[in-house]
C-alpha atoms as a PDB file:
ATOM      1  CA  MET A   1       0.000   0.000   0.000  1.00  0.00           C
ATOM      2  CA  ASP A   2       1.480   3.366  -0.982  1.00  0.00           C
ATOM      3  CA  HIS A   3       1.591   6.518   1.158  1.00  0.00           C
ATOM      4  CA  ALA A   4      -1.174   8.192  -0.879  1.00  0.00           C
ATOM      5  CA  THR A   5      -3.544   5.300  -0.164  1.00  0.00           C
ATOM      6  CA  ILE A   6      -2.683   5.360   3.534  1.00  0.00           C
ATOM      7  CA  GLY A   7      -3.285   9.101   3.634  1.00  0.00           C
ATOM      8  CA  SER A   8      -6.648   8.815   1.903  1.00  0.00           C
ATOM      9  CA  ARG A   9      -7.741   6.044   4.304  1.00  0.00           C
ATOM     10  CA  LYS A  10      -6.876   8.266   7.272  1.00  0.00           C
ATOM     11  CA  ARG A  11      -8.935  11.125   5.848  1.00  0.00           C
ATOM     12  CA  VAL A  12     -12.031   8.900   5.718  1.00  0.00           C
ATOM     13  CA  GLY A  13     -13.358   8.381   9.237  1.00  0.00           C
ATOM     14  CA  ALA A  14     -13.206   4.921  10.783  1.00  0.00           C
ATOM     15  CA  ARG A  15     -16.985   4.590  11.009  1.00  0.00           C
ATOM     16  CA  GLN A  16     -17.361   5.463   7.341  1.00  0.00           C
ATOM     17  CA  ARG A  17     -14.665   2.956   6.342  1.00  0.00           C
ATOM     18  CA  ILE A  18     -16.471   0.238   8.288  1.00  0.00           C
ATOM     19  CA  LEU A  19     -19.766   1.164   6.636  1.00  0.00           C
ATOM     20  CA  ASP A  20     -18.213   1.262   3.156  1.00  0.00           C
ATOM     21  CA  THR A  21     -16.645  -2.147   3.711  1.00  0.00           C
ATOM     22  CA  SER A  22     -19.891  -3.648   4.988  1.00  0.00           C
ATOM     23  CA  PHE A  23     -21.754  -2.176   2.027  1.00  0.00           C
ATOM     24  CA  GLU A  24     -19.489  -4.055  -0.355  1.00  0.00           C
ATOM     25  CA  LEU A  25     -19.248  -7.350   1.533  1.00  0.00           C
ATOM     26  CA  PHE A  26     -22.832  -7.692   2.764  1.00  0.00           C
ATOM     27  CA  ALA A  27     -24.220  -6.869  -0.678  1.00  0.00           C
ATOM     28  CA  GLN A  28     -22.042  -9.463  -2.394  1.00  0.00           C
ATOM     29  CA  ARG A  29     -22.155 -12.303   0.132  1.00  0.00           C
ATOM     30  CA  GLY A  30     -24.975 -11.732   2.604  1.00  0.00           C
ATOM     31  CA  ILE A  31     -24.791 -11.145   6.340  1.00  0.00           C
ATOM     32  CA  ARG A  32     -23.950 -14.556   7.759  1.00  0.00           C
ATOM     33  CA  ASP A  33     -21.009 -15.244   5.439  1.00  0.00           C
ATOM     34  CA  VAL A  34     -19.118 -12.107   6.485  1.00  0.00           C
ATOM     35  CA  GLY A  35     -17.365 -12.235   9.852  1.00  0.00           C
ATOM     36  CA  VAL A  36     -16.416  -9.382  12.155  1.00  0.00           C
ATOM     37  CA  ASP A  37     -12.701 -10.170  11.819  1.00  0.00           C
ATOM     38  CA  GLU A  38     -12.909  -9.800   8.047  1.00  0.00           C
ATOM     39  CA  LEU A  39     -14.826  -6.531   8.382  1.00  0.00           C
ATOM     40  CA  ILE A  40     -12.152  -5.213  10.765  1.00  0.00           C
ATOM     41  CA  THR A  41      -9.273  -6.286   8.525  1.00  0.00           C
ATOM     42  CA  ARG A  42     -10.821  -4.959   5.323  1.00  0.00           C
ATOM     43  CA  SER A  43     -11.798  -1.670   7.010  1.00  0.00           C
ATOM     44  CA  GLY A  44      -8.280  -1.136   8.329  1.00  0.00           C
ATOM     45  CA  VAL A  45      -9.478  -0.368  11.857  1.00  0.00           C
ATOM     46  CA  ALA A  46      -8.621  -1.799  15.246  1.00  0.00           C
ATOM     47  CA  LYS A  47     -11.048  -4.185  16.924  1.00  0.00           C
ATOM     48  CA  ALA A  48     -11.697  -1.658  19.698  1.00  0.00           C
ATOM     49  CA  THR A  49     -12.490   0.984  17.076  1.00  0.00           C
ATOM     50  CA  PHE A  50     -14.944  -1.314  15.347  1.00  0.00           C
ATOM     51  CA  TYR A  51     -16.811  -2.050  18.575  1.00  0.00           C
ATOM     52  CA  LYS A  52     -16.757   1.613  19.543  1.00  0.00           C
ATOM     53  CA  HIS A  53     -18.875   2.382  16.481  1.00  0.00           C
ATOM     54  CA  PHE A  54     -20.877  -0.857  16.195  1.00  0.00           C
ATOM     55  CA  HIS A  55     -21.477  -3.036  19.242  1.00  0.00           C
ATOM     56  CA  THR A  56     -22.489  -6.043  17.127  1.00  0.00           C
ATOM     57  CA  LYS A  57     -22.394  -7.166  13.520  1.00  0.00           C
ATOM     58  CA  ASP A  58     -26.200  -6.945  13.468  1.00  0.00           C
ATOM     59  CA  GLU A  59     -25.977  -3.275  14.432  1.00  0.00           C
ATOM     60  CA  LEU A  60     -23.662  -2.706  11.484  1.00  0.00           C
ATOM     61  CA  ALA A  61     -25.994  -4.677   9.215  1.00  0.00           C
ATOM     62  CA  LEU A  62     -28.895  -2.446  10.279  1.00  0.00           C
ATOM     63  CA  ALA A  63     -26.815   0.616   9.342  1.00  0.00           C
ATOM     64  CA  TYR A  64     -26.038  -1.033   5.986  1.00  0.00           C
ATOM     65  CA  LEU A  65     -29.761  -1.586   5.292  1.00  0.00           C
ATOM     66  CA  GLN A  66     -30.564   1.996   6.305  1.00  0.00           C
ATOM     67  CA  ARG A  67     -27.879   3.358   3.986  1.00  0.00           C
ATOM     68  CA  TRP A  68     -29.116   1.297   1.044  1.00  0.00           C
ATOM     69  CA  TYR A  69     -32.724   2.384   1.687  1.00  0.00           C
ATOM     70  CA  GLU A  70     -31.668   6.031   1.681  1.00  0.00           C
ATOM     71  CA  GLU A  71     -29.639   5.650  -1.532  1.00  0.00           C
ATOM     72  CA  ARG A  72     -32.413   3.700  -3.241  1.00  0.00           C
ATOM     73  CA  SER A  73     -35.119   6.193  -2.256  1.00  0.00           C
ATOM     74  CA  ALA A  74     -32.980   9.150  -3.303  1.00  0.00           C
ATOM     75  CA  ALA A  75     -32.328   7.594  -6.724  1.00  0.00           C
ATOM     76  CA  ILE A  76     -36.045   6.975  -7.283  1.00  0.00           C
ATOM     77  CA  ASN A  77     -36.961  10.492  -6.113  1.00  0.00           C
ATOM     78  CA  GLU A  78     -34.358  11.997  -8.443  1.00  0.00           C
ATOM     79  CA  ALA A  79     -35.682   9.972 -11.389  1.00  0.00           C
ATOM     80  CA  VAL A  80     -39.219  11.136 -10.581  1.00  0.00           C
ATOM     81  CA  ARG A  81     -38.000  14.744 -10.381  1.00  0.00           C
ATOM     82  CA  ARG A  82     -36.333  14.444 -13.802  1.00  0.00           C
ATOM     83  CA  HIS A  83     -39.479  12.870 -15.247  1.00  0.00           C
ATOM     84  CA  GLY A  84     -41.307  16.201 -15.185  1.00  0.00           C
ATOM     85  CA  GLU A  85     -44.422  16.416 -17.359  1.00  0.00           C
ATOM     86  CA  SER A  86     -43.662  13.481 -19.651  1.00  0.00           C
ATOM     87  CA  ASP A  87     -46.554  11.533 -21.163  1.00  0.00           C
ATOM     88  CA  ILE A  88     -45.011   8.336 -19.781  1.00  0.00           C
ATOM     89  CA  PRO A  89     -46.628   7.347 -16.442  1.00  0.00           C
ATOM     90  CA  VAL A  90     -44.319   8.449 -13.636  1.00  0.00           C
ATOM     91  CA  LEU A  91     -44.586   5.024 -11.979  1.00  0.00           C
ATOM     92  CA  LEU A  92     -42.616   3.499 -14.823  1.00  0.00           C
ATOM     93  CA  VAL A  93     -39.478   5.519 -14.058  1.00  0.00           C
ATOM     94  CA  VAL A  94     -38.952   3.275 -11.018  1.00  0.00           C
ATOM     95  CA  PHE A  95     -38.370   0.368 -13.382  1.00  0.00           C
ATOM     96  CA  ASP A  96     -35.921   2.487 -15.387  1.00  0.00           C
ATOM     97  CA  VAL A  97     -33.914   3.078 -12.190  1.00  0.00           C
ATOM     98  CA  PHE A  98     -33.814  -0.652 -11.480  1.00  0.00           C
ATOM     99  CA  ASP A  99     -32.887  -1.388 -15.089  1.00  0.00           C
ATOM    100  CA  GLU A 100     -29.887   0.926 -14.773  1.00  0.00           C
ATOM    101  CA  TRP A 101     -28.807  -0.828 -11.563  1.00  0.00           C
ATOM    102  CA  PHE A 102     -29.202  -4.259 -13.144  1.00  0.00           C
ATOM    103  CA  GLN A 103     -27.129  -3.204 -16.158  1.00  0.00           C
ATOM    104  CA  GLN A 104     -24.406  -1.875 -13.838  1.00  0.00           C
ATOM    105  CA  GLY A 105     -24.440  -5.044 -11.732  1.00  0.00           C
ATOM    106  CA  VAL A 106     -25.255  -3.169  -8.516  1.00  0.00           C
ATOM    107  CA  ALA A 107     -25.249  -5.944  -5.918  1.00  0.00           C
ATOM    108  CA  GLU A 108     -27.203  -3.963  -3.310  1.00  0.00           C
ATOM    109  CA  VAL A 109     -30.420  -4.111  -5.365  1.00  0.00           C
ATOM    110  CA  SER A 110     -31.403  -7.467  -3.862  1.00  0.00           C
ATOM    111  CA  SER A 111     -30.364  -6.578  -0.301  1.00  0.00           C
ATOM    112  CA  PHE A 112     -33.787  -6.353   1.348  1.00  0.00           C
ATOM    113  CA  LEU A 113     -35.059  -9.565  -0.228  1.00  0.00           C
ATOM    114  CA  HIS A 114     -31.766 -11.324   0.384  1.00  0.00           C
ATOM    115  CA  VAL A 115     -31.535 -10.357   4.050  1.00  0.00           C
ATOM    116  CA  MET A 116     -35.207 -11.140   4.702  1.00  0.00           C
ATOM    117  CA  MET A 117     -34.784 -14.635   3.236  1.00  0.00           C
ATOM    118  CA  GLU A 118     -31.372 -15.189   4.807  1.00  0.00           C
ATOM    119  CA  MET A 119     -32.246 -14.104   8.331  1.00  0.00           C
ATOM    120  CA  GLY A 120     -35.969 -14.864   8.408  1.00  0.00           C
ATOM    121  CA  PRO A 121     -38.915 -12.531   9.022  1.00  0.00           C
ATOM    122  CA  ASP A 122     -38.693 -12.772  12.826  1.00  0.00           C
ATOM    123  CA  HIS A 123     -35.019 -11.761  13.082  1.00  0.00           C
ATOM    124  CA  PRO A 124     -34.405  -8.022  13.690  1.00  0.00           C
ATOM    125  CA  LEU A 125     -32.629  -7.759  10.320  1.00  0.00           C
ATOM    126  CA  GLY A 126     -35.477  -9.588   8.594  1.00  0.00           C
ATOM    127  CA  LYS A 127     -37.973  -7.251  10.245  1.00  0.00           C
ATOM    128  CA  ALA A 128     -35.940  -4.228   9.164  1.00  0.00           C
ATOM    129  CA  SER A 129     -35.874  -5.513   5.579  1.00  0.00           C
ATOM    130  CA  ILE A 130     -39.650  -6.010   5.608  1.00  0.00           C
ATOM    131  CA  ASP A 131     -40.056  -2.463   6.926  1.00  0.00           C
ATOM    132  CA  TYR A 132     -37.886  -1.018   4.153  1.00  0.00           C
ATOM    133  CA  LEU A 133     -39.806  -3.019   1.554  1.00  0.00           C
ATOM    134  CA  ALA A 134     -43.039  -1.573   2.988  1.00  0.00           C
ATOM    135  CA  ARG A 135     -41.600   1.933   2.712  1.00  0.00           C
ATOM    136  CA  THR A 136     -40.818   1.284  -0.932  1.00  0.00           C
ATOM    137  CA  ARG A 137     -44.445   0.226  -1.425  1.00  0.00           C
ATOM    138  CA  ASP A 138     -45.507   3.490   0.223  1.00  0.00           C
ATOM    139  CA  GLN A 139     -43.315   5.333  -2.284  1.00  0.00           C
ATOM    140  CA  LEU A 140     -45.030   3.454  -5.127  1.00  0.00           C
ATOM    141  CA  ALA A 141     -48.455   4.218  -3.641  1.00  0.00           C
ATOM    142  CA  ASP A 142     -47.606   7.918  -3.530  1.00  0.00           C
ATOM    143  CA  LEU A 143     -46.667   7.796  -7.219  1.00  0.00           C
ATOM    144  CA  ALA A 144     -49.878   5.920  -8.036  1.00  0.00           C
ATOM    145  CA  ARG A 145     -51.878   8.507  -6.102  1.00  0.00           C
ATOM    146  CA  ALA A 146     -50.127  11.348  -7.938  1.00  0.00           C
ATOM    147  CA  SER A 147     -50.983   9.598 -11.211  1.00  0.00           C
ATOM    148  CA  GLY A 148     -54.668   9.618 -10.301  1.00  0.00           C
ATOM    149  CA  LEU A 149     -55.041   5.854  -9.936  1.00  0.00           C
ATOM    150  CA  ASN A 150     -57.781   4.514  -7.687  1.00  0.00           C
ATOM    151  CA  GLU A 151     -56.797   2.371  -4.700  1.00  0.00           C
ATOM    152  CA  PRO A 152     -53.125   3.401  -4.881  1.00  0.00           C
ATOM    153  CA  GLU A 153     -52.056   1.118  -2.007  1.00  0.00           C
ATOM    154  CA  ASP A 154     -53.561  -1.898  -3.766  1.00  0.00           C
ATOM    155  CA  PHE A 155     -51.869  -0.915  -7.005  1.00  0.00           C
ATOM    156  CA  ALA A 156     -48.557  -0.467  -5.164  1.00  0.00           C
ATOM    157  CA  TRP A 157     -48.686  -4.105  -4.013  1.00  0.00           C
ATOM    158  CA  SER A 158     -49.093  -5.251  -7.629  1.00  0.00           C
ATOM    159  CA  CYS A 159     -46.310  -2.971  -8.827  1.00  0.00           C
ATOM    160  CA  HIS A 160     -44.047  -4.102  -6.005  1.00  0.00           C
ATOM    161  CA  ILE A 161     -44.561  -7.753  -6.944  1.00  0.00           C
ATOM    162  CA  LEU A 162     -43.247  -6.868 -10.400  1.00  0.00           C
ATOM    163  CA  LEU A 163     -40.244  -5.037  -8.956  1.00  0.00           C
ATOM    164  CA  LYS A 164     -39.347  -7.904  -6.622  1.00  0.00           C
ATOM    165  CA  GLY A 165     -39.812 -10.394  -9.446  1.00  0.00           C
ATOM    166  CA  SER A 166     -37.459  -8.388 -11.637  1.00  0.00           C
ATOM    167  CA  ILE A 167     -34.827  -8.471  -8.878  1.00  0.00           C
ATOM    168  CA  VAL A 168     -35.006 -12.262  -8.736  1.00  0.00           C
ATOM    169  CA  ALA A 169     -34.989 -12.573 -12.534  1.00  0.00           C
ATOM    170  CA  ALA A 170     -31.970 -10.269 -12.794  1.00  0.00           C
ATOM    171  CA  ALA A 171     -30.159 -12.389 -10.205  1.00  0.00           C
ATOM    172  CA  GLU A 172     -30.926 -15.411 -12.386  1.00  0.00           C
ATOM    173  CA  GLY A 173     -29.203 -13.682 -15.279  1.00  0.00           C
ATOM    174  CA  ASP A 174     -32.043 -12.023 -17.215  1.00  0.00           C
ATOM    175  CA  PRO A 175     -30.590  -8.752 -18.579  1.00  0.00           C
ATOM    176  CA  ARG A 176     -34.083  -7.561 -19.547  1.00  0.00           C
ATOM    177  CA  ALA A 177     -35.747  -8.239 -16.192  1.00  0.00           C
ATOM    178  CA  ALA A 178     -36.642  -4.610 -15.433  1.00  0.00           C
ATOM    179  CA  GLU A 179     -37.724  -3.984 -19.025  1.00  0.00           C
ATOM    180  CA  ARG A 180     -40.140  -6.942 -18.886  1.00  0.00           C
ATOM    181  CA  ALA A 181     -41.497  -5.836 -15.502  1.00  0.00           C
ATOM    182  CA  ARG A 182     -41.906  -2.281 -16.796  1.00  0.00           C
ATOM    183  CA  HIS A 183     -43.982  -3.530 -19.718  1.00  0.00           C
ATOM    184  CA  MET A 184     -46.257  -5.475 -17.358  1.00  0.00           C
ATOM    185  CA  ALA A 185     -46.587  -2.435 -15.091  1.00  0.00           C
ATOM    186  CA  ALA A 186     -47.618  -0.317 -18.090  1.00  0.00           C
ATOM    187  CA  LEU A 187     -50.342  -2.866 -18.882  1.00  0.00           C
ATOM    188  CA  LEU A 188     -51.534  -2.740 -15.264  1.00  0.00           C
ATOM    189  CA  ILE A 189     -51.720   1.058 -15.382  1.00  0.00           C
ATOM    190  CA  GLU A 190     -53.594   0.964 -18.682  1.00  0.00           C
ATOM    191  CA  ASP A 191     -56.055  -1.609 -17.348  1.00  0.00           C
ATOM    192  CA  ARG A 192     -56.590   0.347 -14.118  1.00  0.00           C
ATOM    193  CA  ARG A 193     -57.262   3.583 -16.028  1.00  0.00           C
ATOM    194  CA  ARG A 194     -59.616   1.848 -18.441  1.00  0.00           C
ATOM    195  CA  ARG A 195     -61.667   0.457 -15.546  1.00  0.00           C
ATOM    196  CA  GLN A 196     -61.676   3.845 -13.786  1.00  0.00           C
ATOM    197  CA  ASN A 197     -62.899   5.636 -16.884  1.00  0.00           C
ATOM    198  CA  GLY A 198     -65.288   2.908 -18.017  1.00  0.00           C
END
């Protein structure tokens, strides 16, 4: 390691280095497969420093989930902001965001589903994942409401099923997973509007 790298590592706070390391490792391998010793070594911090910031690995994993939720929500909100007054239903931009992540190979995309399945729905991390998934549904419901769709919460469940399905399909290797889900979502919107106006 050269002096420039050492200097840059010192400039980034220890807590941030731990978080950055967990973001990479947890996203790629899950929670259980990553040990505290590896997190400490890869973060370049002392054991005492690690435990000063995070008392347990689960506490760090909760911070990881929170960070991904914030990044994911911000990316969706920014895409919605850029959407403006387009004729394309605003709900569909969510699928465009996921498509971009799938094309880039962003491992974090499956985090909530992965952690919920890995840890189980009764584990604190599983419960946190379920909560973040529910918040994403709320975000979809808000977009459905803004689009004038009836029963926006009900529609959000349907749309969320498509999003979650696209995550699984992308993990299986389908490069067009988000595109396919987007097409199905467009059909759902069209059907909902036809029934509302009929």
